[in-house]
Protein backbone atom coordinates (compact mmCIF):
# COMPACT_ATOMS: atom_id res chain seq x y z
CA MET A 1 118.99 -10.57 27.83
CA LYS A 2 120.37 -13.55 29.26
CA LYS A 3 123.26 -11.43 31.03
CA LEU A 4 120.28 -9.31 32.72
CA VAL A 5 118.39 -12.37 33.72
CA LEU A 6 121.40 -13.71 35.48
CA ILE A 7 122.77 -10.55 36.76
CA ALA A 8 118.91 -10.47 38.39
CA LEU A 9 119.38 -13.94 39.74
CA GLY A 10 122.76 -13.32 41.30
CA VAL A 11 120.87 -10.35 43.10
CA LEU A 12 118.26 -12.30 44.03
CA ILE A 13 120.29 -15.00 45.23
CA GLY A 14 122.69 -12.88 47.19
CA GLY A 15 119.57 -11.13 48.76
CA SER A 16 117.98 -14.40 49.82
CA ALA A 17 121.60 -14.93 51.76
CA ALA A 18 121.60 -11.54 53.49
CA ALA A 19 118.25 -12.02 54.44
CA ALA A 20 119.14 -14.95 56.20
CA GLU A 21 121.53 -13.65 58.71
CA PHE A 22 118.84 -11.22 59.61
CA LYS A 23 117.75 -11.87 63.79
CA ILE A 24 114.18 -11.40 63.92
CA GLY A 25 112.22 -11.56 67.20
CA PHE A 26 108.58 -11.05 68.26
CA VAL A 27 107.21 -10.00 71.47
CA SER A 28 103.43 -10.60 72.60
CA THR A 29 102.40 -7.11 74.37
CA GLU A 30 99.43 -9.15 75.48
CA ARG A 31 101.60 -11.57 77.51
CA VAL A 32 103.41 -8.81 78.91
CA PHE A 33 100.36 -6.87 79.80
CA ARG A 34 99.02 -10.34 81.45
CA ASP A 35 102.45 -11.73 82.82
CA ALA A 36 104.88 -9.03 83.55
CA ALA A 37 105.41 -8.40 87.22
CA PRO A 38 105.02 -4.74 86.48
CA ALA A 39 101.78 -5.13 84.83
CA VAL A 40 100.46 -7.50 87.75
CA ARG A 41 101.43 -4.87 90.44
CA ALA A 42 99.73 -2.44 88.15
CA GLN A 43 96.58 -4.40 88.45
CA LYS A 44 96.71 -4.77 91.83
CA LYS A 45 97.29 -0.88 92.25
CA ILE A 46 94.16 -0.25 90.37
CA GLU A 47 92.17 -2.75 92.34
CA GLN A 48 93.18 -1.30 95.65
CA GLU A 49 92.18 2.02 94.39
CA PHE A 50 88.83 1.06 92.85
CA ALA A 51 87.65 -1.38 95.69
CA LYS A 52 85.97 1.10 97.97
CA ARG A 53 84.04 2.48 95.00
CA ASP A 54 83.22 -1.20 93.37
CA GLN A 55 81.78 -1.74 96.99
CA GLU A 56 79.42 1.14 97.21
CA MET A 57 78.45 0.24 93.64
CA GLN A 58 77.66 -2.94 94.46
CA LYS A 59 75.77 -1.85 97.55
CA MET A 60 73.82 0.42 95.14
CA ALA A 61 72.65 -1.99 93.16
CA GLU A 62 71.85 -4.22 95.84
CA GLN A 63 69.34 -1.22 97.37
CA ILE A 64 67.85 -1.01 93.73
CA ARG A 65 67.28 -5.00 93.50
CA LYS A 66 65.34 -4.60 96.89
CA LEU A 67 63.16 -1.89 95.85
CA GLN A 68 62.31 -3.16 92.89
CA GLU A 69 61.23 -6.66 94.62
CA SER A 70 59.70 -4.37 97.23
CA LEU A 71 57.52 -2.34 94.23
CA ASP A 72 56.55 -5.82 92.27
CA LYS A 73 55.42 -7.40 95.82
CA ASN A 74 53.88 -4.35 97.38
CA SER A 75 52.19 -2.23 94.19
CA VAL A 76 49.33 -3.96 94.43
CA THR A 77 48.45 -3.04 98.31
CA MET A 78 49.55 0.61 97.74
CA THR A 79 48.05 3.65 97.16
CA GLU A 80 48.36 5.01 93.59
CA THR A 81 50.21 8.08 94.90
CA GLU A 82 52.55 5.51 97.07
CA ARG A 83 53.25 3.43 93.84
CA ARG A 84 54.19 6.36 91.81
CA THR A 85 56.53 7.94 94.37
CA LYS A 86 58.24 4.86 94.78
CA GLU A 87 58.23 4.20 91.31
CA ARG A 88 59.77 7.63 90.73
CA GLU A 89 62.43 6.92 93.59
CA PHE A 90 63.33 3.45 91.79
CA GLY A 91 63.74 5.52 88.47
CA ASP A 92 65.85 8.21 89.94
CA MET A 93 67.90 5.71 92.12
CA ASN A 94 68.39 3.45 88.89
CA LYS A 95 69.20 6.35 86.37
CA ASP A 96 71.57 7.72 89.50
CA PHE A 97 73.08 4.12 89.42
CA GLN A 98 73.92 3.85 85.96
CA ARG A 99 75.21 7.56 85.50
CA LYS A 100 77.90 6.49 88.62
CA GLN A 101 78.52 3.04 86.68
CA ARG A 102 79.13 4.79 83.69
CA GLU A 103 81.60 7.30 85.82
CA PHE A 104 83.53 4.45 87.36
CA ARG A 105 83.92 2.39 84.17
CA GLU A 106 85.28 5.50 82.57
CA ASP A 107 87.61 6.51 85.64
CA LEU A 108 88.75 2.93 85.81
CA ASN A 109 89.54 2.57 82.30
CA GLN A 110 91.60 5.93 82.32
CA ARG A 111 93.75 4.79 85.39
CA ARG A 112 94.42 1.12 83.76
CA ASN A 113 95.42 3.30 80.63
CA GLU A 114 97.73 5.01 82.25
CA GLU A 115 99.44 2.45 84.18
CA LEU A 116 99.86 0.38 80.87
CA ALA A 117 100.91 2.96 79.28
CA ALA A 118 104.09 3.02 81.93
CA VAL A 119 104.15 -0.44 81.64
CA LEU A 120 103.89 -0.59 77.94
CA GLU A 121 107.28 2.56 77.45
CA ARG A 122 109.22 -0.06 80.67
CA ALA A 123 108.63 -3.12 78.47
CA ASN A 124 109.65 -0.85 74.99
CA ARG A 125 112.96 -0.06 77.16
CA THR A 126 113.65 -3.36 77.87
CA ILE A 127 112.80 -4.53 74.43
CA LYS A 128 115.33 -2.13 72.91
CA ALA A 129 118.09 -3.09 75.35
CA ILE A 130 117.49 -6.93 74.63
CA ALA A 131 117.54 -5.94 71.06
CA GLU A 132 120.83 -4.20 71.08
CA SER A 133 122.53 -6.41 73.17
CA GLU A 134 121.66 -9.61 71.55
CA LYS A 135 122.16 -7.59 67.70
CA TYR A 136 118.27 -8.09 67.09
CA ASP A 137 117.96 -6.44 63.18
CA ILE A 138 113.56 -6.06 64.30
CA ILE A 139 111.27 -7.17 67.00
CA PHE A 140 107.66 -6.83 65.82
CA GLN A 141 105.18 -6.52 68.66
CA GLU A 142 102.55 -7.01 66.20
CA ALA A 143 101.79 -10.09 64.33
CA VAL A 144 99.37 -12.44 62.98
CA TYR A 145 101.73 -15.54 63.40
CA ALA A 146 105.14 -15.81 65.17
CA SER A 147 106.74 -18.61 65.13
CA PRO A 148 107.63 -19.63 68.80
CA ARG A 149 111.41 -19.81 67.43
CA ILE A 150 111.44 -15.64 67.29
CA ASP A 151 109.15 -15.19 70.45
CA ILE A 152 111.24 -13.53 72.76
CA THR A 153 108.70 -12.77 75.09
CA ASP A 154 109.48 -14.98 77.87
CA LYS A 155 112.88 -13.08 77.80
CA VAL A 156 111.35 -9.79 78.08
CA ILE A 157 109.30 -10.64 80.65
CA LYS A 158 111.99 -11.99 82.95
CA ALA A 159 113.93 -9.12 82.57
CA LEU A 160 111.10 -6.59 83.48
CA GLU A 161 110.76 -8.65 86.55
CA ASP A 162 114.75 -8.36 87.26
CA LYS A 163 114.47 -4.72 86.33
CA PRO A 164 113.66 -1.95 89.23
CA ALA A 165 110.79 0.18 88.50
CA GLY A 166 112.40 3.54 87.65
CA LYS A 167 115.06 1.75 85.24
């Protein structure tokens, strides 16, 4: 029995020594999406693509607001038919606005997801290259906590800035 305990203890100690030789890294995907040059360029590209639609949505919201104000202000002096017509117009315009707003958000989210997927793919290739060149055993991208000592996010962000888009 003592021999078995000593063997198990030796395996644990030997296993601990081997574990100390592991090289572990961590990358914050959130920071890569926020700070890396390709992610910043993707965000600007999306903003440019959707700027015109965003302005149209803002104009439409302003028209609805003005129509609501007009209804509130003049409903007392309008005939019943005029008031109902304006309320129907307001309701239709509001429904149309909500539909367009929902479509806008869906299109925006889809484009953002497409662009972020491309950034993530580049980041993963960069992380793999860093892992291979610097002999990391494992690099995590999700963690509840990661010590700053193993955080290589800045290195990945810098490598993405230095790397051309197609690589």
